[in-house]
């Protein structure tokens, strides 16, 4: 049973990621939101195993969001998905599982 959170301010990216993630039969639930504040609300209500986070979002960026999620749910694993390679080094403060650059190669 795996629950995934998608947090990206681009609705088309969220839709594409939801489609890709939903094809995996190990995934039980997929939650999505457009900002880090709402992501925190989801994490407080649901067990999230994997969080796919955009880096450049309003209110909270991906790293700030990951740090706050870690305090609520230390077992959540993070994958950052962004068009900004310059955030890569900063992302390692939350020990991401992966760091993907947009546009995402579906394969």
PDB file of N, CA and C in Angstrom:
ATOM      1  N   UNK A   1       0.833  -1.177   0.000  1.00  0.00           N
ATOM      2  CA  UNK A   1       0.000   0.000   0.000  1.00  0.00           C
ATOM      3  C   UNK A   1       0.881   1.245   0.000  1.00  0.00           C
ATOM      4  N   UNK A   2       0.866   2.005  -1.077  1.00  0.00           N
ATOM      5  CA  UNK A   2       1.707   3.191  -1.204  1.00  0.00           C
ATOM      6  C   UNK A   2       0.823   4.395  -1.535  1.00  0.00           C
ATOM      7  N   UNK A   3       0.992   5.458  -0.764  1.00  0.00           N
ATOM      8  CA  UNK A   3       0.279   6.704  -1.006  1.00  0.00           C
ATOM      9  C   UNK A   3       1.262   7.744  -1.520  1.00  0.00           C
ATOM     10  N   UNK A   4       0.862   8.444  -2.580  1.00  0.00           N
ATOM     11  CA  UNK A   4       1.728   9.426  -3.230  1.00  0.00           C
ATOM     12  C   UNK A   4       1.064  10.801  -3.173  1.00  0.00           C
ATOM     13  N   UNK A   5       1.878  11.811  -2.890  1.00  0.00           N
ATOM     14  CA  UNK A   5       1.442  13.202  -2.930  1.00  0.00           C
ATOM     15  C   UNK A   5       2.165  13.891  -4.077  1.00  0.00           C
ATOM     16  N   UNK A   6       1.413  14.584  -4.910  1.00  0.00           N
ATOM     17  CA  UNK A   6       1.972  15.387  -6.002  1.00  0.00           C
ATOM     18  C   UNK A   6       1.705  16.846  -5.656  1.00  0.00           C
ATOM     19  N   UNK A   7       2.755  17.642  -5.606  1.00  0.00           N
ATOM     20  CA  UNK A   7       2.621  19.056  -5.278  1.00  0.00           C
ATOM     21  C   UNK A   7       3.346  19.877  -6.340  1.00  0.00           C
ATOM     22  N   UNK A   8       2.553  20.527  -7.190  1.00  0.00           N
ATOM     23  CA  UNK A   8       3.106  21.322  -8.287  1.00  0.00           C
ATOM     24  C   UNK A   8       2.092  22.409  -8.617  1.00  0.00           C
ATOM     25  N   UNK A   9       2.549  23.639  -8.815  1.00  0.00           N
ATOM     26  CA  UNK A   9       1.620  24.725  -9.114  1.00  0.00           C
ATOM     27  C   UNK A   9       1.109  24.698 -10.550  1.00  0.00           C
ATOM     28  N   UNK A  10       1.643  23.843 -11.382  1.00  0.00           N
ATOM     29  CA  UNK A  10       1.192  23.691 -12.771  1.00  0.00           C
ATOM     30  C   UNK A  10       0.178  22.548 -12.849  1.00  0.00           C
ATOM     31  N   UNK A  11      -1.070  22.886 -13.138  1.00  0.00           N
ATOM     32  CA  UNK A  11      -2.117  21.858 -13.146  1.00  0.00           C
ATOM     33  C   UNK A  11      -1.884  20.783 -14.200  1.00  0.00           C
ATOM     34  N   UNK A  12      -1.268  21.127 -15.324  1.00  0.00           N
ATOM     35  CA  UNK A  12      -1.012  20.131 -16.365  1.00  0.00           C
ATOM     36  C   UNK A  12       0.070  19.145 -15.934  1.00  0.00           C
ATOM     37  N   UNK A  13       1.064  19.642 -15.211  1.00  0.00           N
ATOM     38  CA  UNK A  13       2.102  18.758 -14.682  1.00  0.00           C
ATOM     39  C   UNK A  13       1.501  17.811 -13.648  1.00  0.00           C
ATOM     40  N   UNK A  14       0.635  18.335 -12.781  1.00  0.00           N
ATOM     41  CA  UNK A  14      -0.027  17.477 -11.793  1.00  0.00           C
ATOM     42  C   UNK A  14      -0.846  16.392 -12.482  1.00  0.00           C
ATOM     43  N   UNK A  15      -1.554  16.780 -13.510  1.00  0.00           N
ATOM     44  CA  UNK A  15      -2.393  15.812 -14.242  1.00  0.00           C
ATOM     45  C   UNK A  15      -1.526  14.730 -14.896  1.00  0.00           C
ATOM     46  N   UNK A  16      -0.414  15.135 -15.519  1.00  0.00           N
ATOM     47  CA  UNK A  16       0.471  14.172 -16.165  1.00  0.00           C
ATOM     48  C   UNK A  16       1.098  13.236 -15.130  1.00  0.00           C
ATOM     49  N   UNK A  17       1.586  13.794 -14.021  1.00  0.00           N
ATOM     50  CA  UNK A  17       2.203  12.971 -12.984  1.00  0.00           C
ATOM     51  C   UNK A  17       1.183  12.016 -12.366  1.00  0.00           C
ATOM     52  N   UNK A  18      -0.041  12.485 -12.162  1.00  0.00           N
ATOM     53  CA  UNK A  18      -1.097  11.619 -11.620  1.00  0.00           C
ATOM     54  C   UNK A  18      -1.343  10.445 -12.561  1.00  0.00           C
ATOM     55  N   UNK A  19      -1.386  10.720 -13.856  1.00  0.00           N
ATOM     56  CA  UNK A  19      -1.608   9.649 -14.834  1.00  0.00           C
ATOM     57  C   UNK A  19      -0.478   8.621 -14.783  1.00  0.00           C
ATOM     58  N   UNK A  20       0.758   9.093 -14.741  1.00  0.00           N
ATOM     59  CA  UNK A  20       1.915   8.199 -14.711  1.00  0.00           C
ATOM     60  C   UNK A  20       1.918   7.372 -13.429  1.00  0.00           C
ATOM     61  N   UNK A  21       1.734   8.031 -12.302  1.00  0.00           N
ATOM     62  CA  UNK A  21       1.785   7.356 -11.004  1.00  0.00           C
ATOM     63  C   UNK A  21       0.644   6.345 -10.864  1.00  0.00           C
ATOM     64  N   UNK A  22      -0.527   6.706 -11.343  1.00  0.00           N
ATOM     65  CA  UNK A  22      -1.702   5.842 -11.209  1.00  0.00           C
ATOM     66  C   UNK A  22      -1.582   4.537 -11.986  1.00  0.00           C
ATOM     67  N   UNK A  23      -0.704   4.492 -12.957  1.00  0.00           N
ATOM     68  CA  UNK A  23      -0.501   3.272 -13.733  1.00  0.00           C
ATOM     69  C   UNK A  23       0.252   2.201 -12.948  1.00  0.00           C
ATOM     70  N   UNK A  24       0.895   2.579 -11.868  1.00  0.00           N
ATOM     71  CA  UNK A  24       1.627   1.634 -11.029  1.00  0.00           C
ATOM     72  C   UNK A  24       0.643   0.957 -10.083  1.00  0.00           C
ATOM     73  N   UNK A  25       0.519  -0.352 -10.178  1.00  0.00           N
ATOM     74  CA  UNK A  25      -0.462  -1.088  -9.373  1.00  0.00           C
ATOM     75  C   UNK A  25      -0.119  -1.107  -7.880  1.00  0.00           C
ATOM     76  N   UNK A  26       1.099  -0.744  -7.514  1.00  0.00           N
ATOM     77  CA  UNK A  26       1.479  -0.680  -6.093  1.00  0.00           C
ATOM     78  C   UNK A  26       0.965   0.590  -5.414  1.00  0.00           C
ATOM     79  N   UNK A  27       0.567   1.563  -6.214  1.00  0.00           N
ATOM     80  CA  UNK A  27       0.092   2.836  -5.680  1.00  0.00           C
ATOM     81  C   UNK A  27      -1.374   2.698  -5.292  1.00  0.00           C
ATOM     82  N   UNK A  28      -1.671   2.992  -4.036  1.00  0.00           N
ATOM     83  CA  UNK A  28      -3.036   2.884  -3.536  1.00  0.00           C
ATOM     84  C   UNK A  28      -3.806   4.183  -3.723  1.00  0.00           C
ATOM     85  N   UNK A  29      -3.214   5.295  -3.294  1.00  0.00           N
ATOM     86  CA  UNK A  29      -3.870   6.600  -3.374  1.00  0.00           C
ATOM     87  C   UNK A  29      -2.908   7.644  -3.909  1.00  0.00           C
ATOM     88  N   UNK A  30      -3.465   8.562  -4.698  1.00  0.00           N
ATOM     89  CA  UNK A  30      -2.688   9.689  -5.206  1.00  0.00           C
ATOM     90  C   UNK A  30      -3.429  10.963  -4.803  1.00  0.00           C
ATOM     91  N   UNK A  31      -2.716  11.835  -4.102  1.00  0.00           N
ATOM     92  CA  UNK A  31      -3.264  13.126  -3.703  1.00  0.00           C
ATOM     93  C   UNK A  31      -2.487  14.193  -4.443  1.00  0.00           C
ATOM     94  N   UNK A  32      -3.163  15.265  -4.851  1.00  0.00           N
ATOM     95  CA  UNK A  32      -2.402  16.336  -5.498  1.00  0.00           C
ATOM     96  C   UNK A  32      -2.908  17.702  -5.060  1.00  0.00           C
ATOM     97  N   UNK A  33      -1.987  18.636  -5.104  1.00  0.00           N
ATOM     98  CA  UNK A  33      -2.282  20.011  -4.718  1.00  0.00           C
ATOM     99  C   UNK A  33      -1.320  20.953  -5.423  1.00  0.00           C
ATOM    100  N   UNK A  34      -1.678  22.246  -5.398  1.00  0.00           N
ATOM    101  CA  UNK A  34      -0.882  23.233  -6.126  1.00  0.00           C
ATOM    102  C   UNK A  34       0.107  24.010  -5.267  1.00  0.00           C
ATOM    103  N   UNK A  35       0.093  23.801  -3.945  1.00  0.00           N
ATOM    104  CA  UNK A  35       1.073  24.532  -3.139  1.00  0.00           C
ATOM    105  C   UNK A  35       1.442  23.776  -1.861  1.00  0.00           C
ATOM    106  N   UNK A  36       2.539  24.218  -1.265  1.00  0.00           N
ATOM    107  CA  UNK A  36       3.092  23.541  -0.093  1.00  0.00           C
ATOM    108  C   UNK A  36       2.203  23.600   1.132  1.00  0.00           C
ATOM    109  N   UNK A  37       1.466  24.685   1.310  1.00  0.00           N
ATOM    110  CA  UNK A  37       0.569  24.815   2.466  1.00  0.00           C
ATOM    111  C   UNK A  37      -0.504  23.723   2.413  1.00  0.00           C
ATOM    112  N   UNK A  38      -1.096  23.549   1.251  1.00  0.00           N
ATOM    113  CA  UNK A  38      -2.124  22.510   1.097  1.00  0.00           C
ATOM    114  C   UNK A  38      -1.513  21.114   1.185  1.00  0.00           C
ATOM    115  N   UNK A  39      -0.268  20.971   0.751  1.00  0.00           N
ATOM    116  CA  UNK A  39       0.428  19.682   0.874  1.00  0.00           C
ATOM    117  C   UNK A  39       0.557  19.291   2.336  1.00  0.00           C
ATOM    118  N   UNK A  40       0.869  20.256   3.192  1.00  0.00           N
ATOM    119  CA  UNK A  40       0.981  19.979   4.623  1.00  0.00           C
ATOM    120  C   UNK A  40      -0.350  19.511   5.203  1.00  0.00           C
ATOM    121  N   UNK A  41      -1.439  20.105   4.752  1.00  0.00           N
ATOM    122  CA  UNK A  41      -2.769  19.669   5.202  1.00  0.00           C
ATOM    123  C   UNK A  41      -3.016  18.209   4.833  1.00  0.00           C
ATOM    124  N   UNK A  42      -2.631  17.840   3.611  1.00  0.00           N
ATOM    125  CA  UNK A  42      -2.819  16.454   3.152  1.00  0.00           C
ATOM    126  C   UNK A  42      -1.987  15.497   3.996  1.00  0.00           C
ATOM    127  N   UNK A  43      -0.738  15.875   4.281  1.00  0.00           N
ATOM    128  CA  UNK A  43       0.158  15.017   5.069  1.00  0.00           C
ATOM    129  C   UNK A  43      -0.372  14.844   6.498  1.00  0.00           C
ATOM    130  N   UNK A  44      -1.031  15.845   7.024  1.00  0.00           N
ATOM    131  CA  UNK A  44      -1.600  15.733   8.365  1.00  0.00           C
ATOM    132  C   UNK A  44      -2.811  14.801   8.398  1.00  0.00           C
ATOM    133  N   UNK A  45      -3.480  14.637   7.258  1.00  0.00           N
ATOM    134  CA  UNK A  45      -4.681  13.804   7.197  1.00  0.00           C
ATOM    135  C   UNK A  45      -4.417  12.388   6.696  1.00  0.00           C
ATOM    136  N   UNK A  46      -3.337  12.191   5.951  1.00  0.00           N
ATOM    137  CA  UNK A  46      -3.079  10.905   5.298  1.00  0.00           C
ATOM    138  C   UNK A  46      -1.613  10.504   5.470  1.00  0.00           C
ATOM    139  N   UNK A  47      -1.359   9.218   5.475  1.00  0.00           N
ATOM    140  CA  UNK A  47       0.015   8.719   5.455  1.00  0.00           C
ATOM    141  C   UNK A  47       0.517   8.852   4.023  1.00  0.00           C
ATOM    142  N   UNK A  48       1.600   9.593   3.847  1.00  0.00           N
ATOM    143  CA  UNK A  48       2.182   9.788   2.519  1.00  0.00           C
ATOM    144  C   UNK A  48       3.542   9.100   2.502  1.00  0.00           C
ATOM    145  N   UNK A  49       3.700   8.162   1.578  1.00  0.00           N
ATOM    146  CA  UNK A  49       4.960   7.436   1.450  1.00  0.00           C
ATOM    147  C   UNK A  49       5.953   8.159   0.547  1.00  0.00           C
ATOM    148  N   UNK A  50       5.427   8.733  -0.534  1.00  0.00           N
ATOM    149  CA  UNK A  50       6.275   9.409  -1.516  1.00  0.00           C
ATOM    150  C   UNK A  50       5.645  10.760  -1.853  1.00  0.00           C
ATOM    151  N   UNK A  51       6.462  11.812  -1.815  1.00  0.00           N
ATOM    152  CA  UNK A  51       6.002  13.146  -2.195  1.00  0.00           C
ATOM    153  C   UNK A  51       6.789  13.599  -3.416  1.00  0.00           C
ATOM    154  N   UNK A  52       6.083  13.899  -4.487  1.00  0.00           N
ATOM    155  CA  UNK A  52       6.681  14.451  -5.697  1.00  0.00           C
ATOM    156  C   UNK A  52       6.477  15.957  -5.627  1.00  0.00           C
ATOM    157  N   UNK A  53       7.555  16.700  -5.470  1.00  0.00           N
ATOM    158  CA  UNK A  53       7.455  18.129  -5.198  1.00  0.00           C
ATOM    159  C   UNK A  53       8.131  18.970  -6.267  1.00  0.00           C
ATOM    160  N   UNK A  54       7.401  19.965  -6.753  1.00  0.00           N
ATOM    161  CA  UNK A  54       7.992  20.996  -7.586  1.00  0.00           C
ATOM    162  C   UNK A  54       8.854  21.871  -6.681  1.00  0.00           C
ATOM    163  N   UNK A  55       9.867  22.486  -7.217  1.00  0.00           N
ATOM    164  CA  UNK A  55      10.728  23.347  -6.403  1.00  0.00           C
ATOM    165  C   UNK A  55      10.219  24.777  -6.337  1.00  0.00           C
ATOM    166  N   UNK A  56       9.799  25.313  -7.461  1.00  0.00           N
ATOM    167  CA  UNK A  56       9.439  26.726  -7.553  1.00  0.00           C
ATOM    168  C   UNK A  56       7.920  26.864  -7.488  1.00  0.00           C
ATOM    169  N   UNK A  57       7.420  27.106  -6.264  1.00  0.00           N
ATOM    170  CA  UNK A  57       5.978  27.249  -6.048  1.00  0.00           C
ATOM    171  C   UNK A  57       5.727  28.471  -5.186  1.00  0.00           C
ATOM    172  N   UNK A  58       4.510  29.028  -5.283  1.00  0.00           N
ATOM    173  CA  UNK A  58       4.178  30.148  -4.393  1.00  0.00           C
ATOM    174  C   UNK A  58       4.013  29.664  -2.952  1.00  0.00           C
ATOM    175  N   UNK A  59       4.113  30.557  -2.023  1.00  0.00           N
ATOM    176  CA  UNK A  59       3.950  30.334  -0.588  1.00  0.00           C
ATOM    177  C   UNK A  59       5.130  29.578   0.017  1.00  0.00           C
ATOM    178  N   UNK A  60       5.328  28.318  -0.351  1.00  0.00           N
ATOM    179  CA  UNK A  60       6.472  27.530   0.122  1.00  0.00           C
ATOM    180  C   UNK A  60       7.121  26.868  -1.081  1.00  0.00           C
ATOM    181  N   UNK A  61       8.441  26.908  -1.168  1.00  0.00           N
ATOM    182  CA  UNK A  61       9.079  26.181  -2.264  1.00  0.00           C
ATOM    183  C   UNK A  61       9.179  24.695  -1.889  1.00  0.00           C
ATOM    184  N   UNK A  62       9.673  23.896  -2.797  1.00  0.00           N
ATOM    185  CA  UNK A  62       9.735  22.455  -2.574  1.00  0.00           C
ATOM    186  C   UNK A  62      10.585  22.044  -1.386  1.00  0.00           C
ATOM    187  N   UNK A  63      11.710  22.717  -1.191  1.00  0.00           N
ATOM    188  CA  UNK A  63      12.595  22.369  -0.070  1.00  0.00           C
ATOM    189  C   UNK A  63      11.937  22.715   1.256  1.00  0.00           C
ATOM    190  N   UNK A  64      11.341  23.906   1.338  1.00  0.00           N
ATOM    191  CA  UNK A  64      10.644  24.302   2.568  1.00  0.00           C
ATOM    192  C   UNK A  64       9.499  23.330   2.868  1.00  0.00           C
ATOM    193  N   UNK A  65       8.770  22.963   1.825  1.00  0.00           N
ATOM    194  CA  UNK A  65       7.664  22.023   1.983  1.00  0.00           C
ATOM    195  C   UNK A  65       8.174  20.675   2.483  1.00  0.00           C
ATOM    196  N   UNK A  66       9.247  20.183   1.885  1.00  0.00           N
ATOM    197  CA  UNK A  66       9.818  18.887   2.298  1.00  0.00           C
ATOM    198  C   UNK A  66      10.281  18.917   3.748  1.00  0.00           C
ATOM    199  N   UNK A  67      10.914  20.011   4.162  1.00  0.00           N
ATOM    200  CA  UNK A  67      11.370  20.114   5.552  1.00  0.00           C
ATOM    201  C   UNK A  67      10.197  20.041   6.521  1.00  0.00           C
ATOM    202  N   UNK A  68       9.109  20.726   6.206  1.00  0.00           N
ATOM    203  CA  UNK A  68       7.937  20.712   7.075  1.00  0.00           C
ATOM    204  C   UNK A  68       7.237  19.354   7.055  1.00  0.00           C
ATOM    205  N   UNK A  69       7.162  18.738   5.881  1.00  0.00           N
ATOM    206  CA  UNK A  69       6.571  17.395   5.790  1.00  0.00           C
ATOM    207  C   UNK A  69       7.383  16.422   6.644  1.00  0.00           C
ATOM    208  N   UNK A  70       8.701  16.544   6.619  1.00  0.00           N
ATOM    209  CA  UNK A  70       9.573  15.653   7.391  1.00  0.00           C
ATOM    210  C   UNK A  70       9.306  15.724   8.892  1.00  0.00           C
ATOM    211  N   UNK A  71       8.912  16.887   9.364  1.00  0.00           N
ATOM    212  CA  UNK A  71       8.610  17.000  10.795  1.00  0.00           C
ATOM    213  C   UNK A  71       7.306  16.295  11.149  1.00  0.00           C
ATOM    214  N   UNK A  72       6.371  16.249  10.196  1.00  0.00           N
ATOM    215  CA  UNK A  72       5.082  15.583  10.414  1.00  0.00           C
ATOM    216  C   UNK A  72       5.185  14.093  10.124  1.00  0.00           C
ATOM    217  N   UNK A  73       5.915  13.770   9.047  1.00  0.00           N
ATOM    218  CA  UNK A  73       5.996  12.392   8.560  1.00  0.00           C
ATOM    219  C   UNK A  73       7.441  12.058   8.183  1.00  0.00           C
ATOM    220  N   UNK A  74       8.265  11.687   9.159  1.00  0.00           N
ATOM    221  CA  UNK A  74       9.690  11.435   8.894  1.00  0.00           C
ATOM    222  C   UNK A  74       9.966  10.323   7.882  1.00  0.00           C
ATOM    223  N   UNK A  75       9.021   9.435   7.659  1.00  0.00           N
ATOM    224  CA  UNK A  75       9.262   8.319   6.736  1.00  0.00           C
ATOM    225  C   UNK A  75       8.928   8.652   5.279  1.00  0.00           C
ATOM    226  N   UNK A  76       8.362   9.824   5.028  1.00  0.00           N
ATOM    227  CA  UNK A  76       8.036  10.209   3.654  1.00  0.00           C
ATOM    228  C   UNK A  76       9.321  10.401   2.849  1.00  0.00           C
ATOM    229  N   UNK A  77       9.346   9.864   1.641  1.00  0.00           N
ATOM    230  CA  UNK A  77      10.480  10.014   0.724  1.00  0.00           C
ATOM    231  C   UNK A  77      10.127  11.075  -0.318  1.00  0.00           C
ATOM    232  N   UNK A  78      11.138  11.830  -0.744  1.00  0.00           N
ATOM    233  CA  UNK A  78      10.908  12.958  -1.646  1.00  0.00           C
ATOM    234  C   UNK A  78      11.577  12.761  -2.994  1.00  0.00           C
ATOM    235  N   UNK A  79      10.851  13.176  -4.036  1.00  0.00           N
ATOM    236  CA  UNK A  79      11.402  13.297  -5.381  1.00  0.00           C
ATOM    237  C   UNK A  79      11.079  14.716  -5.818  1.00  0.00           C
ATOM    238  N   UNK A  80      12.106  15.481  -6.115  1.00  0.00           N
ATOM    239  CA  UNK A  80      11.899  16.845  -6.593  1.00  0.00           C
ATOM    240  C   UNK A  80      11.826  16.834  -8.108  1.00  0.00           C
ATOM    241  N   UNK A  81      10.846  17.573  -8.622  1.00  0.00           N
ATOM    242  CA  UNK A  81      10.655  17.666 -10.068  1.00  0.00           C
ATOM    243  C   UNK A  81      10.612  19.152 -10.402  1.00  0.00           C
ATOM    244  N   UNK A  82      11.600  19.612 -11.169  1.00  0.00           N
ATOM    245  CA  UNK A  82      11.727  21.046 -11.400  1.00  0.00           C
ATOM    246  C   UNK A  82      12.426  21.354 -12.711  1.00  0.00           C
ATOM    247  N   UNK A  83      12.241  22.567 -13.161  1.00  0.00           N
ATOM    248  CA  UNK A  83      12.955  23.040 -14.343  1.00  0.00           C
ATOM    249  C   UNK A  83      14.250  23.741 -13.943  1.00  0.00           C
ATOM    250  N   UNK A  84      14.524  23.808 -12.652  1.00  0.00           N
ATOM    251  CA  UNK A  84      15.659  24.570 -12.135  1.00  0.00           C
ATOM    252  C   UNK A  84      16.734  23.656 -11.557  1.00  0.00           C
ATOM    253  N   UNK A  85      17.767  23.407 -12.318  1.00  0.00           N
ATOM    254  CA  UNK A  85      18.865  22.550 -11.855  1.00  0.00           C
ATOM    255  C   UNK A  85      19.638  23.184 -10.714  1.00  0.00           C
ATOM    256  N   UNK A  86      19.563  24.514 -10.579  1.00  0.00           N
ATOM    257  CA  UNK A  86      20.339  25.205  -9.552  1.00  0.00           C
ATOM    258  C   UNK A  86      19.854  24.934  -8.128  1.00  0.00           C
ATOM    259  N   UNK A  87      18.692  24.298  -7.977  1.00  0.00           N
ATOM    260  CA  UNK A  87      18.203  23.924  -6.645  1.00  0.00           C
ATOM    261  C   UNK A  87      18.755  22.571  -6.177  1.00  0.00           C
ATOM    262  N   UNK A  88      19.417  21.860  -7.026  1.00  0.00           N
ATOM    263  CA  UNK A  88      19.821  20.482  -6.722  1.00  0.00           C
ATOM    264  C   UNK A  88      20.633  20.370  -5.440  1.00  0.00           C
ATOM    265  N   UNK A  89      21.650  21.182  -5.284  1.00  0.00           N
ATOM    266  CA  UNK A  89      22.483  21.085  -4.079  1.00  0.00           C
ATOM    267  C   UNK A  89      21.694  21.405  -2.814  1.00  0.00           C
ATOM    268  N   UNK A  90      20.848  22.427  -2.878  1.00  0.00           N
ATOM    269  CA  UNK A  90      20.039  22.796  -1.714  1.00  0.00           C
ATOM    270  C   UNK A  90      19.078  21.680  -1.323  1.00  0.00           C
ATOM    271  N   UNK A  91      18.618  20.910  -2.307  1.00  0.00           N
ATOM    272  CA  UNK A  91      17.632  19.861  -2.026  1.00  0.00           C
ATOM    273  C   UNK A  91      18.203  18.744  -1.150  1.00  0.00           C
ATOM    274  N   UNK A  92      19.501  18.589  -1.132  1.00  0.00           N
ATOM    275  CA  UNK A  92      20.099  17.489  -0.382  1.00  0.00           C
ATOM    276  C   UNK A  92      19.996  17.671   1.134  1.00  0.00           C
ATOM    277  N   UNK A  93      19.541  18.824   1.577  1.00  0.00           N
ATOM    278  CA  UNK A  93      19.311  19.026   3.017  1.00  0.00           C
ATOM    279  C   UNK A  93      18.170  18.148   3.525  1.00  0.00           C
ATOM    280  N   UNK A  94      17.302  17.699   2.608  1.00  0.00           N
ATOM    281  CA  UNK A  94      16.187  16.818   3.002  1.00  0.00           C
ATOM    282  C   UNK A  94      16.357  15.405   2.433  1.00  0.00           C
ATOM    283  N   UNK A  95      17.533  15.104   1.928  1.00  0.00           N
ATOM    284  CA  UNK A  95      17.879  13.766   1.457  1.00  0.00           C
ATOM    285  C   UNK A  95      16.861  13.200   0.460  1.00  0.00           C
ATOM    286  N   UNK A  96      16.705  13.852  -0.699  1.00  0.00           N
ATOM    287  CA  UNK A  96      15.721  13.367  -1.672  1.00  0.00           C
ATOM    288  C   UNK A  96      16.122  12.012  -2.256  1.00  0.00           C
ATOM    289  N   UNK A  97      15.119  11.257  -2.626  1.00  0.00           N
ATOM    290  CA  UNK A  97      15.356   9.990  -3.308  1.00  0.00           C
ATOM    291  C   UNK A  97      15.853  10.267  -4.721  1.00  0.00           C
ATOM    292  N   UNK A  98      15.298  11.311  -5.337  1.00  0.00           N
ATOM    293  CA  UNK A  98      15.705  11.655  -6.703  1.00  0.00           C
ATOM    294  C   UNK A  98      15.402  13.126  -6.965  1.00  0.00           C
ATOM    295  N   UNK A  99      15.977  13.622  -8.048  1.00  0.00           N
ATOM    296  CA  UNK A  99      15.821  15.012  -8.473  1.00  0.00           C
ATOM    297  C   UNK A  99      15.681  14.966  -9.987  1.00  0.00           C
ATOM    298  N   UNK A 100      14.484  15.237 -10.488  1.00  0.00           N
ATOM    299  CA  UNK A 100      14.211  15.141 -11.919  1.00  0.00           C
ATOM    300  C   UNK A 100      14.032  16.528 -12.514  1.00  0.00           C
ATOM    301  N   UNK A 101      14.591  16.714 -13.695  1.00  0.00           N
ATOM    302  CA  UNK A 101      14.441  17.993 -14.385  1.00  0.00           C
ATOM    303  C   UNK A 101      13.292  17.938 -15.380  1.00  0.00           C
ATOM    304  N   UNK A 102      12.513  19.037 -15.417  1.00  0.00           N
ATOM    305  CA  UNK A 102      11.436  19.176 -16.398  1.00  0.00           C
ATOM    306  C   UNK A 102      12.062  19.618 -17.706  1.00  0.00           C
ATOM    307  N   UNK A 103      11.552  19.214 -18.830  1.00  0.00           N
ATOM    308  CA  UNK A 103      10.394  18.342 -18.979  1.00  0.00           C
ATOM    309  C   UNK A 103      10.759  16.906 -18.587  1.00  0.00           C
ATOM    310  N   UNK A 104       9.827  16.246 -17.921  1.00  0.00           N
ATOM    311  CA  UNK A 104      10.033  14.896 -17.432  1.00  0.00           C
ATOM    312  C   UNK A 104       9.925  13.908 -18.575  1.00  0.00           C
ATOM    313  N   UNK A 105      10.916  13.032 -18.683  1.00  0.00           N
ATOM    314  CA  UNK A 105      10.879  11.948 -19.652  1.00  0.00           C
ATOM    315  C   UNK A 105      10.030  10.827 -19.051  1.00  0.00           C
ATOM    316  N   UNK A 106       8.880  10.555 -19.626  1.00  0.00           N
ATOM    317  CA  UNK A 106       7.945   9.592 -19.085  1.00  0.00           C
ATOM    318  C   UNK A 106       8.564   8.220 -18.922  1.00  0.00           C
ATOM    319  N   UNK A 107       9.452   7.834 -19.799  1.00  0.00           N
ATOM    320  CA  UNK A 107      10.107   6.526 -19.667  1.00  0.00           C
ATOM    321  C   UNK A 107      10.948   6.464 -18.425  1.00  0.00           C
TER     322      UNK A 107
END
